[in-house]
Amino acid sequence: MTATPEPAPPHPSLPADTAPPAAAPPPAAPPAAVTPAAAPPLWREVPEAALSRVSSYDWFGSLAFAPLGLLIAGPVAARIGVGPALTGCAALIVLASAAALLSPQVRRVRTPEL
């Protein structure tokens, strides 16, 4: 017979009755969980044979520029201040969203009648 191992004691800085988390969160959320409004049009408009490839490019593009943003954000915030840096980031997001809406292909996407 094998003995069951005893659970590890709690960390010394935690109270003894503190329970460990039930499960660790997933390392990254799937794209549909991040942008639920974008997933159905993607599923509707992209052929099933290409959906995996298109979804992976979408996810890669979403994650690829995160380190660049982190690299730039610190020095910009140190130079102009946190408030103006956040305002500039918000302005960039609004401008990028508005630029996407200038595309006729984006404006033509419609929800099908149910």
N, C-alpha and C. Protein backbone atom coordinates (compact mmCIF):
# COMPACT_ATOMS: atom_id res chain seq x y z
N MET A 1 0.83 -1.18 0.00
CA MET A 1 0.00 0.00 0.00
C MET A 1 0.88 1.25 0.00
N THR A 2 0.42 2.25 -0.72
CA THR A 2 1.17 3.49 -0.73
C THR A 2 0.49 4.47 0.20
N ALA A 3 1.29 5.21 0.89
CA ALA A 3 0.75 6.21 1.82
C ALA A 3 0.43 7.47 1.05
N THR A 4 -0.66 8.12 1.40
CA THR A 4 -0.99 9.38 0.75
C THR A 4 -0.14 10.48 1.37
N PRO A 5 0.42 11.35 0.55
CA PRO A 5 1.26 12.41 1.10
C PRO A 5 0.41 13.42 1.86
N GLU A 6 1.02 13.98 2.88
CA GLU A 6 0.32 14.99 3.66
C GLU A 6 0.35 16.31 2.89
N PRO A 7 -0.71 17.10 3.03
CA PRO A 7 -0.71 18.39 2.33
C PRO A 7 0.36 19.31 2.89
N ALA A 8 0.84 20.16 2.02
CA ALA A 8 1.88 21.11 2.43
C ALA A 8 1.29 22.10 3.44
N PRO A 9 2.09 22.53 4.39
CA PRO A 9 1.57 23.51 5.35
C PRO A 9 1.37 24.85 4.67
N PRO A 10 0.47 25.68 5.20
CA PRO A 10 0.25 26.99 4.57
C PRO A 10 1.49 27.86 4.69
N HIS A 11 1.55 28.83 3.83
CA HIS A 11 2.67 29.77 3.85
C HIS A 11 2.67 30.47 5.21
N PRO A 12 3.87 30.73 5.79
CA PRO A 12 3.92 31.33 7.12
C PRO A 12 3.24 32.69 7.21
N SER A 13 3.15 33.43 6.10
CA SER A 13 2.54 34.76 6.18
C SER A 13 1.02 34.70 6.10
N LEU A 14 0.44 33.52 5.81
CA LEU A 14 -1.01 33.37 5.72
C LEU A 14 -1.56 32.80 7.02
N PRO A 15 -2.78 33.17 7.39
CA PRO A 15 -3.39 32.53 8.55
C PRO A 15 -3.53 31.04 8.30
N ALA A 16 -3.52 30.25 9.35
CA ALA A 16 -3.55 28.79 9.23
C ALA A 16 -4.82 28.30 8.55
N ASP A 17 -5.93 29.03 8.68
CA ASP A 17 -7.19 28.56 8.10
C ASP A 17 -7.41 29.03 6.66
N THR A 18 -6.40 29.64 6.05
CA THR A 18 -6.52 30.11 4.67
C THR A 18 -6.37 28.93 3.73
N ALA A 19 -7.36 28.75 2.89
CA ALA A 19 -7.32 27.64 1.93
C ALA A 19 -6.59 28.07 0.67
N PRO A 20 -5.84 27.16 0.07
CA PRO A 20 -5.19 27.51 -1.21
C PRO A 20 -6.25 27.65 -2.29
N PRO A 21 -5.94 28.36 -3.37
CA PRO A 21 -6.92 28.48 -4.45
C PRO A 21 -7.27 27.12 -5.02
N ALA A 22 -8.52 26.96 -5.43
CA ALA A 22 -8.97 25.67 -5.96
C ALA A 22 -8.23 25.30 -7.23
N ALA A 23 -8.01 26.25 -8.09
CA ALA A 23 -7.30 25.99 -9.33
C ALA A 23 -6.66 27.28 -9.80
N ALA A 24 -5.56 27.15 -10.47
CA ALA A 24 -4.91 28.33 -11.02
C ALA A 24 -5.71 28.83 -12.21
N PRO A 25 -5.74 30.14 -12.43
CA PRO A 25 -6.45 30.64 -13.61
C PRO A 25 -5.73 30.20 -14.87
N PRO A 26 -6.44 30.15 -15.98
CA PRO A 26 -5.78 29.76 -17.23
C PRO A 26 -4.71 30.78 -17.59
N PRO A 27 -3.65 30.37 -18.27
CA PRO A 27 -2.57 31.30 -18.60
C PRO A 27 -3.03 32.43 -19.53
N ALA A 28 -3.97 32.16 -20.39
CA ALA A 28 -4.50 33.19 -21.28
C ALA A 28 -5.91 32.80 -21.68
N ALA A 29 -6.74 33.80 -21.80
CA ALA A 29 -8.12 33.53 -22.19
C ALA A 29 -8.19 33.34 -23.69
N PRO A 30 -9.08 32.49 -24.18
CA PRO A 30 -9.22 32.34 -25.62
C PRO A 30 -9.75 33.63 -26.24
N PRO A 31 -9.50 33.86 -27.51
CA PRO A 31 -9.92 35.12 -28.13
C PRO A 31 -11.41 35.41 -27.97
N ALA A 32 -12.27 34.40 -28.04
CA ALA A 32 -13.70 34.65 -27.93
C ALA A 32 -14.07 35.15 -26.54
N ALA A 33 -13.29 34.78 -25.53
CA ALA A 33 -13.57 35.26 -24.18
C ALA A 33 -13.15 36.70 -24.02
N VAL A 34 -12.16 37.11 -24.80
CA VAL A 34 -11.67 38.48 -24.71
C VAL A 34 -12.58 39.42 -25.50
N THR A 35 -13.00 39.01 -26.67
CA THR A 35 -13.82 39.84 -27.54
C THR A 35 -15.06 39.08 -27.98
N PRO A 36 -16.05 38.93 -27.09
CA PRO A 36 -17.22 38.13 -27.47
C PRO A 36 -18.01 38.72 -28.63
N ALA A 37 -17.95 40.02 -28.83
CA ALA A 37 -18.69 40.62 -29.94
C ALA A 37 -18.04 40.32 -31.28
N ALA A 38 -16.74 40.06 -31.28
CA ALA A 38 -16.03 39.82 -32.54
C ALA A 38 -16.08 38.37 -32.98
N ALA A 39 -16.34 37.45 -32.08
CA ALA A 39 -16.30 36.03 -32.43
C ALA A 39 -17.41 35.61 -33.40
N PRO A 40 -18.68 35.92 -33.17
CA PRO A 40 -19.71 35.46 -34.12
C PRO A 40 -19.52 35.95 -35.56
N PRO A 41 -19.18 37.23 -35.79
CA PRO A 41 -18.91 37.62 -37.19
C PRO A 41 -17.73 36.85 -37.79
N LEU A 42 -16.73 36.59 -36.98
CA LEU A 42 -15.59 35.81 -37.46
C LEU A 42 -16.05 34.42 -37.88
N TRP A 43 -16.87 33.78 -37.05
CA TRP A 43 -17.37 32.44 -37.36
C TRP A 43 -18.26 32.45 -38.60
N ARG A 44 -19.02 33.53 -38.78
CA ARG A 44 -19.94 33.62 -39.91
C ARG A 44 -19.22 33.91 -41.22
N GLU A 45 -18.24 34.79 -41.19
CA GLU A 45 -17.64 35.32 -42.41
C GLU A 45 -16.45 34.52 -42.91
N VAL A 46 -15.76 33.82 -42.05
CA VAL A 46 -14.56 33.09 -42.45
C VAL A 46 -14.93 31.64 -42.75
N PRO A 47 -14.50 31.12 -43.89
CA PRO A 47 -14.79 29.71 -44.20
C PRO A 47 -14.23 28.79 -43.12
N GLU A 48 -14.95 27.70 -42.86
CA GLU A 48 -14.55 26.79 -41.78
C GLU A 48 -13.14 26.25 -41.97
N ALA A 49 -12.74 26.02 -43.21
CA ALA A 49 -11.40 25.48 -43.47
C ALA A 49 -10.30 26.46 -43.08
N ALA A 50 -10.59 27.75 -43.06
CA ALA A 50 -9.58 28.76 -42.74
C ALA A 50 -9.76 29.36 -41.35
N LEU A 51 -10.80 28.96 -40.64
CA LEU A 51 -11.11 29.59 -39.36
C LEU A 51 -9.98 29.45 -38.34
N SER A 52 -9.37 28.29 -38.27
CA SER A 52 -8.29 28.08 -37.31
C SER A 52 -7.10 29.00 -37.63
N ARG A 53 -6.75 29.08 -38.89
CA ARG A 53 -5.61 29.92 -39.28
C ARG A 53 -5.92 31.40 -39.02
N VAL A 54 -7.10 31.84 -39.41
CA VAL A 54 -7.46 33.24 -39.21
C VAL A 54 -7.51 33.57 -37.72
N SER A 55 -8.09 32.67 -36.93
CA SER A 55 -8.18 32.88 -35.49
C SER A 55 -6.79 32.94 -34.86
N SER A 56 -5.87 32.09 -35.31
CA SER A 56 -4.53 32.11 -34.74
C SER A 56 -3.79 33.39 -35.12
N TYR A 57 -3.96 33.87 -36.36
CA TYR A 57 -3.35 35.15 -36.74
C TYR A 57 -3.94 36.30 -35.92
N ASP A 58 -5.23 36.25 -35.69
CA ASP A 58 -5.89 37.28 -34.88
C ASP A 58 -5.33 37.28 -33.46
N TRP A 59 -5.23 36.11 -32.87
CA TRP A 59 -4.72 35.97 -31.50
C TRP A 59 -3.25 36.38 -31.45
N PHE A 60 -2.45 35.97 -32.44
CA PHE A 60 -1.04 36.34 -32.48
C PHE A 60 -0.89 37.86 -32.56
N GLY A 61 -1.68 38.47 -33.45
CA GLY A 61 -1.61 39.92 -33.58
C GLY A 61 -2.01 40.64 -32.31
N SER A 62 -2.97 40.06 -31.58
CA SER A 62 -3.40 40.67 -30.33
C SER A 62 -2.30 40.60 -29.27
N LEU A 63 -1.54 39.52 -29.27
CA LEU A 63 -0.51 39.34 -28.25
C LEU A 63 0.87 39.84 -28.66
N ALA A 64 1.13 39.92 -29.94
CA ALA A 64 2.47 40.24 -30.41
C ALA A 64 2.91 41.64 -30.03
N PHE A 65 1.99 42.57 -30.00
CA PHE A 65 2.37 43.95 -29.74
C PHE A 65 2.28 44.34 -28.27
N ALA A 66 1.82 43.44 -27.41
CA ALA A 66 1.76 43.74 -25.98
C ALA A 66 3.13 44.06 -25.39
N PRO A 67 4.18 43.27 -25.68
CA PRO A 67 5.50 43.63 -25.14
C PRO A 67 6.00 44.97 -25.65
N LEU A 68 5.70 45.29 -26.90
CA LEU A 68 6.12 46.59 -27.44
C LEU A 68 5.43 47.72 -26.68
N GLY A 69 4.15 47.55 -26.41
CA GLY A 69 3.43 48.57 -25.64
C GLY A 69 3.99 48.74 -24.24
N LEU A 70 4.34 47.62 -23.60
CA LEU A 70 4.94 47.70 -22.27
C LEU A 70 6.31 48.36 -22.32
N LEU A 71 7.05 48.08 -23.36
CA LEU A 71 8.38 48.67 -23.52
C LEU A 71 8.30 50.19 -23.68
N ILE A 72 7.29 50.64 -24.39
CA ILE A 72 7.14 52.08 -24.65
C ILE A 72 6.46 52.80 -23.50
N ALA A 73 5.51 52.15 -22.83
CA ALA A 73 4.68 52.83 -21.82
C ALA A 73 5.49 53.38 -20.65
N GLY A 74 6.44 52.61 -20.15
CA GLY A 74 7.22 53.07 -19.00
C GLY A 74 7.98 54.35 -19.27
N PRO A 75 8.83 54.40 -20.30
CA PRO A 75 9.56 55.64 -20.57
C PRO A 75 8.65 56.83 -20.90
N VAL A 76 7.55 56.55 -21.62
CA VAL A 76 6.63 57.65 -21.94
C VAL A 76 6.00 58.20 -20.67
N ALA A 77 5.55 57.32 -19.77
CA ALA A 77 4.94 57.76 -18.51
C ALA A 77 5.96 58.49 -17.64
N ALA A 78 7.21 58.04 -17.66
CA ALA A 78 8.24 58.72 -16.87
C ALA A 78 8.54 60.11 -17.42
N ARG A 79 8.44 60.25 -18.73
CA ARG A 79 8.78 61.54 -19.34
C ARG A 79 7.65 62.56 -19.25
N ILE A 80 6.40 62.12 -19.54
CA ILE A 80 5.30 63.10 -19.59
C ILE A 80 4.33 62.97 -18.42
N GLY A 81 4.47 61.93 -17.62
CA GLY A 81 3.57 61.72 -16.49
C GLY A 81 2.56 60.62 -16.79
N VAL A 82 2.07 60.00 -15.73
CA VAL A 82 1.15 58.87 -15.89
C VAL A 82 -0.18 59.31 -16.49
N GLY A 83 -0.75 60.39 -15.98
CA GLY A 83 -2.04 60.86 -16.48
C GLY A 83 -2.03 61.16 -17.97
N PRO A 84 -1.10 61.99 -18.43
CA PRO A 84 -1.04 62.26 -19.87
C PRO A 84 -0.74 61.01 -20.70
N ALA A 85 0.07 60.09 -20.16
CA ALA A 85 0.37 58.86 -20.90
C ALA A 85 -0.89 58.02 -21.05
N LEU A 86 -1.68 57.90 -19.99
CA LEU A 86 -2.93 57.13 -20.08
C LEU A 86 -3.92 57.80 -21.02
N THR A 87 -3.97 59.13 -20.99
CA THR A 87 -4.85 59.85 -21.90
C THR A 87 -4.42 59.62 -23.35
N GLY A 88 -3.11 59.63 -23.59
CA GLY A 88 -2.60 59.35 -24.93
C GLY A 88 -2.94 57.93 -25.38
N CYS A 89 -2.83 56.97 -24.47
CA CYS A 89 -3.19 55.58 -24.81
C CYS A 89 -4.67 55.48 -25.14
N ALA A 90 -5.50 56.14 -24.36
CA ALA A 90 -6.94 56.13 -24.64
C ALA A 90 -7.23 56.75 -26.00
N ALA A 91 -6.54 57.84 -26.32
CA ALA A 91 -6.73 58.48 -27.62
C ALA A 91 -6.30 57.56 -28.75
N LEU A 92 -5.21 56.82 -28.56
CA LEU A 92 -4.78 55.87 -29.60
C LEU A 92 -5.81 54.76 -29.81
N ILE A 93 -6.41 54.30 -28.73
CA ILE A 93 -7.44 53.25 -28.85
C ILE A 93 -8.65 53.78 -29.61
N VAL A 94 -9.08 55.00 -29.28
CA VAL A 94 -10.23 55.60 -29.97
C VAL A 94 -9.90 55.80 -31.45
N LEU A 95 -8.70 56.29 -31.75
CA LEU A 95 -8.32 56.52 -33.15
C LEU A 95 -8.23 55.21 -33.92
N ALA A 96 -7.68 54.17 -33.30
CA ALA A 96 -7.59 52.87 -33.98
C ALA A 96 -8.97 52.30 -34.25
N SER A 97 -9.88 52.45 -33.28
CA SER A 97 -11.25 51.97 -33.48
C SER A 97 -11.95 52.75 -34.58
N ALA A 98 -11.77 54.05 -34.58
CA ALA A 98 -12.37 54.88 -35.63
C ALA A 98 -11.78 54.54 -36.99
N ALA A 99 -10.49 54.28 -37.05
CA ALA A 99 -9.86 53.91 -38.32
C ALA A 99 -10.42 52.60 -38.85
N ALA A 100 -10.68 51.65 -37.95
CA ALA A 100 -11.28 50.38 -38.39
C ALA A 100 -12.67 50.61 -38.96
N LEU A 101 -13.41 51.55 -38.38
CA LEU A 101 -14.76 51.82 -38.87
C LEU A 101 -14.77 52.53 -40.23
N LEU A 102 -13.64 53.07 -40.64
CA LEU A 102 -13.55 53.69 -41.97
C LEU A 102 -13.53 52.65 -43.08
N SER A 103 -13.22 51.42 -42.75
CA SER A 103 -13.17 50.36 -43.75
C SER A 103 -14.58 49.95 -44.17
N PRO A 104 -14.87 49.95 -45.48
CA PRO A 104 -16.20 49.54 -45.94
C PRO A 104 -16.53 48.10 -45.56
N GLN A 105 -15.52 47.22 -45.52
CA GLN A 105 -15.78 45.83 -45.16
C GLN A 105 -16.27 45.72 -43.72
N VAL A 106 -15.75 46.54 -42.84
CA VAL A 106 -16.18 46.51 -41.44
C VAL A 106 -17.59 47.08 -41.33
N ARG A 107 -17.87 48.15 -42.04
CA ARG A 107 -19.20 48.76 -41.95
C ARG A 107 -20.28 47.89 -42.57
N ARG A 108 -19.93 46.99 -43.49
CA ARG A 108 -20.93 46.13 -44.13
C ARG A 108 -21.30 44.90 -43.30
N VAL A 109 -20.55 44.59 -42.24
CA VAL A 109 -20.85 43.41 -41.42
C VAL A 109 -22.18 43.64 -40.73
N ARG A 110 -23.09 42.73 -40.93
CA ARG A 110 -24.44 42.82 -40.34
C ARG A 110 -24.76 41.56 -39.58
N THR A 111 -25.60 41.67 -38.60
CA THR A 111 -26.09 40.51 -37.88
C THR A 111 -27.22 39.89 -38.71
N PRO A 112 -27.18 38.59 -38.90
CA PRO A 112 -28.27 37.97 -39.69
C PRO A 112 -29.59 38.05 -38.94
N GLU A 113 -30.66 38.12 -39.71
CA GLU A 113 -31.99 38.14 -39.11
C GLU A 113 -32.27 36.79 -38.48
N LEU A 114 -32.80 36.81 -37.28
CA LEU A 114 -33.11 35.55 -36.60
C LEU A 114 -34.52 35.11 -36.87
